[in-house]
C-alpha atoms as a PDB file:
ATOM      1  CA  ARG A   1     132.410 164.120  72.474  1.00  0.00           C
ATOM      2  CA  PRO A   2     131.814 163.230  68.915  1.00  0.00           C
ATOM      3  CA  LEU A   3     128.644 161.727  67.733  1.00  0.00           C
ATOM      4  CA  SER A   4     128.936 158.202  65.912  1.00  0.00           C
ATOM      5  CA  ALA A   5     127.642 157.890  62.186  1.00  0.00           C
ATOM      6  CA  ILE A   6     124.851 155.443  63.301  1.00  0.00           C
ATOM      7  CA  GLN A   7     122.993 158.384  65.094  1.00  0.00           C
ATOM      8  CA  PHE A   8     122.410 160.021  61.809  1.00  0.00           C
ATOM      9  CA  HIS A   9     120.991 156.998  59.984  1.00  0.00           C
ATOM     10  CA  ASN A  10     117.485 157.643  59.084  1.00  0.00           C
ATOM     11  CA  ASP A  11     115.390 154.286  59.089  1.00  0.00           C
ATOM     12  CA  ALA A  12     112.651 155.620  56.818  1.00  0.00           C
ATOM     13  CA  ILE A  13     114.896 156.589  53.953  1.00  0.00           C
ATOM     14  CA  ASN A  14     116.781 153.001  54.408  1.00  0.00           C
ATOM     15  CA  GLU A  15     113.800 151.150  54.367  1.00  0.00           C
ATOM     16  CA  CYS A  16     112.344 152.756  51.150  1.00  0.00           C
ATOM     17  CA  GLU A  17     113.995 151.066  48.183  1.00  0.00           C
ATOM     18  CA  GLY A  18     111.988 153.445  45.743  1.00  0.00           C
ATOM     19  CA  ILE A  19     113.454 156.535  46.895  1.00  0.00           C
ATOM     20  CA  LEU A  20     117.040 155.118  46.706  1.00  0.00           C
ATOM     21  CA  LYS A  21     116.068 154.100  43.232  1.00  0.00           C
ATOM     22  CA  LEU A  22     114.533 157.362  42.069  1.00  0.00           C
ATOM     23  CA  ASP A  23     117.376 159.338  43.567  1.00  0.00           C
ATOM     24  CA  LEU A  24     120.042 157.228  42.076  1.00  0.00           C
ATOM     25  CA  LYS A  25     118.486 157.364  38.752  1.00  0.00           C
ATOM     26  CA  GLU A  26     118.310 161.080  38.817  1.00  0.00           C
ATOM     27  CA  PHE A  27     122.023 161.360  39.913  1.00  0.00           C
ATOM     28  CA  LEU A  28     123.036 158.941  36.922  1.00  0.00           C
ATOM     29  CA  GLU A  29     120.991 161.036  34.486  1.00  0.00           C
ATOM     30  CA  MET A  30     122.824 164.219  35.831  1.00  0.00           C
ATOM     31  CA  GLN A  31     126.047 162.591  35.302  1.00  0.00           C
ATOM     32  CA  GLN A  32     124.935 161.965  31.565  1.00  0.00           C
ATOM     33  CA  GLY A  33     124.224 165.494  31.064  1.00  0.00           C
ATOM     34  CA  GLY A  34     127.678 166.602  32.623  1.00  0.00           C
ATOM     35  CA  LYS A  35     126.803 167.523  36.291  1.00  0.00           C
ATOM     36  CA  TYR A  36     128.639 165.288  38.892  1.00  0.00           C
ATOM     37  CA  ARG A  37     127.227 167.095  42.014  1.00  0.00           C
ATOM     38  CA  PHE A  38     123.753 168.376  42.914  1.00  0.00           C
ATOM     39  CA  SER A  39     125.278 171.459  43.806  1.00  0.00           C
ATOM     40  CA  ASP A  40     126.100 171.781  39.977  1.00  0.00           C
ATOM     41  CA  VAL A  41     122.270 171.798  39.113  1.00  0.00           C
ATOM     42  CA  GLU A  42     120.577 175.164  39.255  1.00  0.00           C
ATOM     43  CA  ASP A  43     117.738 175.280  41.943  1.00  0.00           C
ATOM     44  CA  SER A  44     115.044 175.922  39.376  1.00  0.00           C
ATOM     45  CA  SER A  45     115.707 172.538  37.583  1.00  0.00           C
ATOM     46  CA  ARG A  46     116.049 170.431  40.696  1.00  0.00           C
ATOM     47  CA  ARG A  47     112.865 168.317  41.624  1.00  0.00           C
ATOM     48  CA  ASP A  48     114.042 167.598  45.194  1.00  0.00           C
ATOM     49  CA  PHE A  49     117.179 167.239  47.547  1.00  0.00           C
ATOM     50  CA  GLY A  50     119.226 164.268  46.646  1.00  0.00           C
ATOM     51  CA  ILE A  51     119.992 161.513  49.451  1.00  0.00           C
ATOM     52  CA  ILE A  52     123.280 161.045  47.626  1.00  0.00           C
ATOM     53  CA  GLU A  53     124.203 164.365  48.791  1.00  0.00           C
ATOM     54  CA  PHE A  54     123.901 163.248  52.345  1.00  0.00           C
ATOM     55  CA  PRO A  55     125.418 159.734  52.452  1.00  0.00           C
ATOM     56  CA  PHE A  56     125.645 159.657  56.250  1.00  0.00           C
ATOM     57  CA  VAL A  57     121.871 159.153  56.420  1.00  0.00           C
ATOM     58  CA  LEU A  58     122.246 155.944  54.811  1.00  0.00           C
ATOM     59  CA  ALA A  59     123.128 152.657  56.424  1.00  0.00           C
ATOM     60  CA  PRO A  60     125.836 150.563  54.902  1.00  0.00           C
ATOM     61  CA  GLU A  61     123.219 147.971  53.747  1.00  0.00           C
ATOM     62  CA  SER A  62     121.389 150.784  51.926  1.00  0.00           C
ATOM     63  CA  LYS A  63     124.665 151.916  50.339  1.00  0.00           C
ATOM     64  CA  VAL A  64     125.320 148.394  49.070  1.00  0.00           C
ATOM     65  CA  ARG A  65     121.764 148.314  47.762  1.00  0.00           C
ATOM     66  CA  MET A  66     122.300 151.536  45.891  1.00  0.00           C
ATOM     67  CA  LEU A  67     125.719 150.281  44.341  1.00  0.00           C
ATOM     68  CA  SER A  68     123.549 147.117  43.293  1.00  0.00           C
ATOM     69  CA  ILE A  69     120.825 149.255  41.810  1.00  0.00           C
ATOM     70  CA  GLU A  70     123.506 151.397  40.127  1.00  0.00           C
ATOM     71  CA  SER A  71     125.255 148.516  38.559  1.00  0.00           C
ATOM     72  CA  THR A  72     122.013 147.042  37.389  1.00  0.00           C
ATOM     73  CA  LEU A  73     120.894 150.267  35.549  1.00  0.00           C
ATOM     74  CA  ILE A  74     124.341 150.689  34.007  1.00  0.00           C
ATOM     75  CA  GLN A  75     124.133 147.146  32.601  1.00  0.00           C
ATOM     76  CA  ARG A  76     120.775 147.746  31.061  1.00  0.00           C
ATOM     77  CA  ASP A  77     121.981 151.028  29.531  1.00  0.00           C
ATOM     78  CA  GLU A  78     124.902 149.237  27.994  1.00  0.00           C
ATOM     79  CA  VAL A  79     122.581 146.422  26.502  1.00  0.00           C
ATOM     80  CA  ARG A  80     120.209 148.947  25.136  1.00  0.00           C
ATOM     81  CA  TYR A  81     123.281 150.836  23.587  1.00  0.00           C
ATOM     82  CA  ALA A  82     124.511 147.466  22.144  1.00  0.00           C
ATOM     83  CA  MET A  83     121.306 146.530  20.677  1.00  0.00           C
ATOM     84  CA  ILE A  84     120.712 149.831  19.094  1.00  0.00           C
ATOM     85  CA  GLY A  85     124.167 149.883  17.707  1.00  0.00           C
ATOM     86  CA  GLN A  86     123.440 146.303  16.333  1.00  0.00           C
ATOM     87  CA  MET A  87     120.321 147.568  14.784  1.00  0.00           C
ATOM     88  CA  LEU A  88     122.014 150.518  13.188  1.00  0.00           C
ATOM     89  CA  SER A  89     124.998 148.456  11.883  1.00  0.00           C
ATOM     90  CA  ARG A  90     122.945 147.590   8.722  1.00  0.00           C
ATOM     91  CA  GLY A  91     122.851 144.070   8.148  1.00  0.00           C
ATOM     92  CA  ARG A  92     125.857 143.094  10.192  1.00  0.00           C
ATOM     93  CA  HIS A  93     124.306 140.355  12.421  1.00  0.00           C
ATOM     94  CA  ASP A  94     127.569 139.083  13.928  1.00  0.00           C
ATOM     95  CA  LEU A  95     127.418 141.522  16.796  1.00  0.00           C
ATOM     96  CA  ASN A  96     126.184 140.171  19.965  1.00  0.00           C
ATOM     97  CA  PRO A  97     125.671 142.382  23.218  1.00  0.00           C
ATOM     98  CA  TYR A  98     126.504 139.390  25.351  1.00  0.00           C
ATOM     99  CA  LEU A  99     129.667 137.533  25.931  1.00  0.00           C
ATOM    100  CA  VAL A 100     129.572 134.262  24.302  1.00  0.00           C
ATOM    101  CA  LEU A 101     132.067 131.486  25.217  1.00  0.00           C
ATOM    102  CA  LYS A 102     132.127 128.181  23.237  1.00  0.00           C
ATOM    103  CA  VAL A 103     133.421 125.482  25.794  1.00  0.00           C
ATOM    104  CA  LYS A 104     133.741 121.809  25.785  1.00  0.00           C
ATOM    105  CA  ARG A 105     132.348 120.178  28.682  1.00  0.00           C
ATOM    106  CA  THR A 106     135.105 118.145  29.650  1.00  0.00           C
ATOM    107  CA  ASN A 107     137.531 120.960  29.390  1.00  0.00           C
ATOM    108  CA  LEU A 108     135.429 123.914  30.869  1.00  0.00           C
ATOM    109  CA  VAL A 109     137.894 125.935  32.885  1.00  0.00           C
ATOM    110  CA  GLN A 110     140.770 125.881  30.505  1.00  0.00           C
ATOM    111  CA  ASP A 111     138.775 126.535  27.433  1.00  0.00           C
ATOM    112  CA  ALA A 112     136.911 129.563  28.968  1.00  0.00           C
ATOM    113  CA  LEU A 113     140.309 130.835  30.400  1.00  0.00           C
ATOM    114  CA  GLN A 114     141.791 130.714  26.983  1.00  0.00           C
ATOM    115  CA  GLN A 115     138.881 132.374  25.227  1.00  0.00           C
ATOM    116  CA  LEU A 116     138.985 135.376  27.837  1.00  0.00           C
ATOM    117  CA  ALA A 117     142.906 135.841  27.384  1.00  0.00           C
END
């Protein structure tokens, strides 16, 4: 009789957000370096095992948290790159790392949709 996935969940890991953040940050750094799996990294350069290698120990709530953390980290990186690009653009101050929509209060939805189109 096969075991259910819930029997593999590790409560200690699921409750510690710091471990999830650290492991996810390491994984994203590896992706930027051209490595897409922990098995692509030599044993000498690895600090510890990656929880992402064993997703069956994570509860669905923890996986959702990891996706949220990942999107936050990616957004921060994109803002940082946009700001650096703006500083290096040498005098071009028209760049803005944020989406700015100018809409009238009376025509909010239609103005926003027109600018996004």
